[in-house]
C-alpha atoms as a PDB file:
ATOM      1  CA  GLU A   1      -3.634 147.610 107.179  1.00  0.00           C
ATOM      2  CA  GLU A   2      -4.540 143.943 107.377  1.00  0.00           C
ATOM      3  CA  HIS A   3      -3.583 143.536 103.747  1.00  0.00           C
ATOM      4  CA  GLU A   4      -0.247 145.148 104.530  1.00  0.00           C
ATOM      5  CA  ARG A   5       0.285 142.773 107.458  1.00  0.00           C
ATOM      6  CA  GLU A   6      -0.542 139.820 105.238  1.00  0.00           C
ATOM      7  CA  CYS A   7       1.933 141.064 102.627  1.00  0.00           C
ATOM      8  CA  GLN A   8       4.617 141.518 105.282  1.00  0.00           C
ATOM      9  CA  ALA A   9       3.890 138.050 106.674  1.00  0.00           C
ATOM     10  CA  GLU A  10       4.077 136.616 103.151  1.00  0.00           C
ATOM     11  CA  GLU A  11       7.373 138.440 102.557  1.00  0.00           C
ATOM     12  CA  ALA A  12       8.709 137.139 105.881  1.00  0.00           C
ATOM     13  CA  ARG A  13       7.708 133.571 104.948  1.00  0.00           C
ATOM     14  CA  ALA A  14       9.288 133.944 101.490  1.00  0.00           C
ATOM     15  CA  LYS A  15      12.447 135.389 103.052  1.00  0.00           C
ATOM     16  CA  ALA A  16      12.574 132.546 105.603  1.00  0.00           C
ATOM     17  CA  GLN A  17      12.098 129.972 102.825  1.00  0.00           C
ATOM     18  CA  LEU A  18      14.850 131.591 100.788  1.00  0.00           C
ATOM     19  CA  GLU A  19      17.194 131.631 103.777  1.00  0.00           C
ATOM     20  CA  GLU A  20      16.395 127.961 104.461  1.00  0.00           C
ATOM     21  CA  LYS A  21      17.087 127.050 100.825  1.00  0.00           C
ATOM     22  CA  GLU A  22      20.394 128.952 100.961  1.00  0.00           C
ATOM     23  CA  ARG A  23      21.333 127.195 104.219  1.00  0.00           C
ATOM     24  CA  LEU A  24      20.492 123.788 102.730  1.00  0.00           C
ATOM     25  CA  ALA A  25      22.487 124.610  99.579  1.00  0.00           C
ATOM     26  CA  ARG A  26      25.523 125.573 101.723  1.00  0.00           C
ATOM     27  CA  GLU A  27      25.224 122.370 103.754  1.00  0.00           C
ATOM     28  CA  GLU A  28      24.909 120.319 100.578  1.00  0.00           C
ATOM     29  CA  ALA A  29      28.016 122.017  99.148  1.00  0.00           C
ATOM     30  CA  GLU A  30      29.922 121.312 102.373  1.00  0.00           C
ATOM     31  CA  VAL A  31      28.836 117.664 102.313  1.00  0.00           C
ATOM     32  CA  GLU A  32      29.926 117.343  98.664  1.00  0.00           C
ATOM     33  CA  ALA A  33      33.300 118.980  99.425  1.00  0.00           C
ATOM     34  CA  ALA A  34      33.811 116.592 102.354  1.00  0.00           C
ATOM     35  CA  ARG A  35      32.894 113.615 100.147  1.00  0.00           C
ATOM     36  CA  GLN A  36      35.374 114.696  97.476  1.00  0.00           C
ATOM     37  CA  LEU A  37      38.076 115.184 100.094  1.00  0.00           C
ATOM     38  CA  GLN A  38      37.368 111.712 101.483  1.00  0.00           C
ATOM     39  CA  GLU A  39      37.647 110.221  97.982  1.00  0.00           C
ATOM     40  CA  GLU A  40      40.955 112.022  97.430  1.00  0.00           C
ATOM     41  CA  LEU A  41      42.302 110.753 100.755  1.00  0.00           C
ATOM     42  CA  GLN A  42      41.261 107.197  99.935  1.00  0.00           C
ATOM     43  CA  ALA A  43      42.945 107.481  96.538  1.00  0.00           C
ATOM     44  CA  GLU A  44      46.119 108.765  98.218  1.00  0.00           C
ATOM     45  CA  GLU A  45      46.055 105.836 100.654  1.00  0.00           C
ATOM     46  CA  ALA A  46      45.400 103.343  97.857  1.00  0.00           C
ATOM     47  CA  ARG A  47      48.378 104.475  95.760  1.00  0.00           C
ATOM     48  CA  PRO A  48      51.059 103.641  98.351  1.00  0.00           C
ATOM     49  CA  LYS A  49      49.278 100.368  99.140  1.00  0.00           C
ATOM     50  CA  ALA A  50      49.241  99.385  95.479  1.00  0.00           C
ATOM     51  CA  GLN A  51      52.878 100.434  95.165  1.00  0.00           C
ATOM     52  CA  LEU A  52      53.826  98.354  98.214  1.00  0.00           C
ATOM     53  CA  GLU A  53      51.927  95.367  96.858  1.00  0.00           C
ATOM     54  CA  GLU A  54      53.771  95.675  93.536  1.00  0.00           C
ATOM     55  CA  GLU A  55      57.135  95.964  95.322  1.00  0.00           C
ATOM     56  CA  GLU A  56      56.272  92.903  97.421  1.00  0.00           C
ATOM     57  CA  ARG A  57      55.293  90.958  94.288  1.00  0.00           C
ATOM     58  CA  LEU A  58      58.566  91.922  92.608  1.00  0.00           C
ATOM     59  CA  ALA A  59      60.583  90.981  95.700  1.00  0.00           C
ATOM     60  CA  LYS A  60      58.894  87.564  95.854  1.00  0.00           C
ATOM     61  CA  GLU A  61      59.569  87.036  92.142  1.00  0.00           C
ATOM     62  CA  GLU A  62      63.235  87.976  92.641  1.00  0.00           C
ATOM     63  CA  ALA A  63      63.501  85.635  95.647  1.00  0.00           C
ATOM     64  CA  ARG A  64      61.999  82.804  93.576  1.00  0.00           C
ATOM     65  CA  LYS A  65      64.473  83.438  90.750  1.00  0.00           C
ATOM     66  CA  LEU A  66      67.390  83.543  93.185  1.00  0.00           C
ATOM     67  CA  GLU A  67      66.258  80.274  94.773  1.00  0.00           C
ATOM     68  CA  GLU A  68      66.007  78.628  91.351  1.00  0.00           C
ATOM     69  CA  GLU A  69      69.474  79.923  90.427  1.00  0.00           C
ATOM     70  CA  GLY A  70      70.850  78.613  93.735  1.00  0.00           C
ATOM     71  CA  GLU A  71      69.365  75.186  93.068  1.00  0.00           C
ATOM     72  CA  ARG A  72      70.766  75.180  89.524  1.00  0.00           C
ATOM     73  CA  LEU A  73      74.237  76.141  90.762  1.00  0.00           C
ATOM     74  CA  SER A  74      74.063  73.497  93.481  1.00  0.00           C
ATOM     75  CA  ARG A  75      73.208  70.811  90.891  1.00  0.00           C
ATOM     76  CA  GLU A  76      76.022  72.027  88.623  1.00  0.00           C
ATOM     77  CA  VAL A  77      78.604  72.003  91.445  1.00  0.00           C
ATOM     78  CA  THR A  78      77.463  68.539  92.558  1.00  0.00           C
ATOM     79  CA  LYS A  79      77.769  67.270  88.972  1.00  0.00           C
ATOM     80  CA  ARG A  80      81.262  68.757  88.563  1.00  0.00           C
ATOM     81  CA  LEU A  81      82.432  67.358  91.909  1.00  0.00           C
ATOM     82  CA  LYS A  82      81.161  63.901  90.932  1.00  0.00           C
ATOM     83  CA  GLU A  83      82.903  64.135  87.552  1.00  0.00           C
ATOM     84  CA  GLU A  84      86.130  65.254  89.245  1.00  0.00           C
ATOM     85  CA  GLY A  85      85.795  62.460  91.831  1.00  0.00           C
ATOM     86  CA  ASP A  86      85.238  59.901  89.059  1.00  0.00           C
ATOM     87  CA  ARG A  87      88.264  61.257  87.136  1.00  0.00           C
ATOM     88  CA  LEU A  88      90.485  61.071  90.227  1.00  0.00           C
ATOM     89  CA  ALA A  89      89.263  57.553  90.962  1.00  0.00           C
ATOM     90  CA  ARG A  90      90.112  56.474  87.386  1.00  0.00           C
ATOM     91  CA  GLU A  91      93.550  58.087  87.659  1.00  0.00           C
ATOM     92  CA  ALA A  92      94.187  56.405  91.020  1.00  0.00           C
ATOM     93  CA  THR A  93      93.089  53.057  89.613  1.00  0.00           C
ATOM     94  CA  GLU A  94      95.343  53.547  86.589  1.00  0.00           C
ATOM     95  CA  ALA A  95      98.270  54.617  88.802  1.00  0.00           C
ATOM     96  CA  ALA A  96      97.791  51.548  91.009  1.00  0.00           C
ATOM     97  CA  ARG A  97      97.670  49.307  87.926  1.00  0.00           C
ATOM     98  CA  VAL A  98     100.824  50.899  86.518  1.00  0.00           C
ATOM     99  CA  LYS A  99     102.578  50.548  89.903  1.00  0.00           C
ATOM    100  CA  GLU A 100     101.606  46.864  90.169  1.00  0.00           C
ATOM    101  CA  GLU A 101     102.816  46.251  86.661  1.00  0.00           C
ATOM    102  CA  HIS A 102     106.094  48.007  87.375  1.00  0.00           C
ATOM    103  CA  GLU A 103     106.587  45.993  90.592  1.00  0.00           C
ATOM    104  CA  ARG A 104     105.954  42.738  88.744  1.00  0.00           C
ATOM    105  CA  GLU A 105     108.409  43.711  86.040  1.00  0.00           C
ATOM    106  CA  CYS A 106     111.036  44.599  88.644  1.00  0.00           C
ATOM    107  CA  GLN A 107     110.797  41.246  90.423  1.00  0.00           C
END
């Protein structure tokens, strides 16, 4: 009888230990699943951030190129206006010289 009680107590302890191990294994699996989900969420968040950073970098590069092109065009227009101004000044000077000469000849 006592031996039987000891066996039953031993079986109850073994069963309790097994149940505890199963519970711990389930908790560990839940923790691992939560960790994996967290990693996946962080990866999802990182992708759009990286994409936005790349788009921002490209936009800044495009803005820099446009600014450089604007400066180049401004220099070119300024140069052409100066050349045209110089040409008109030469023509006006020549026209004035020709007019003076013509007036002198007519007198």
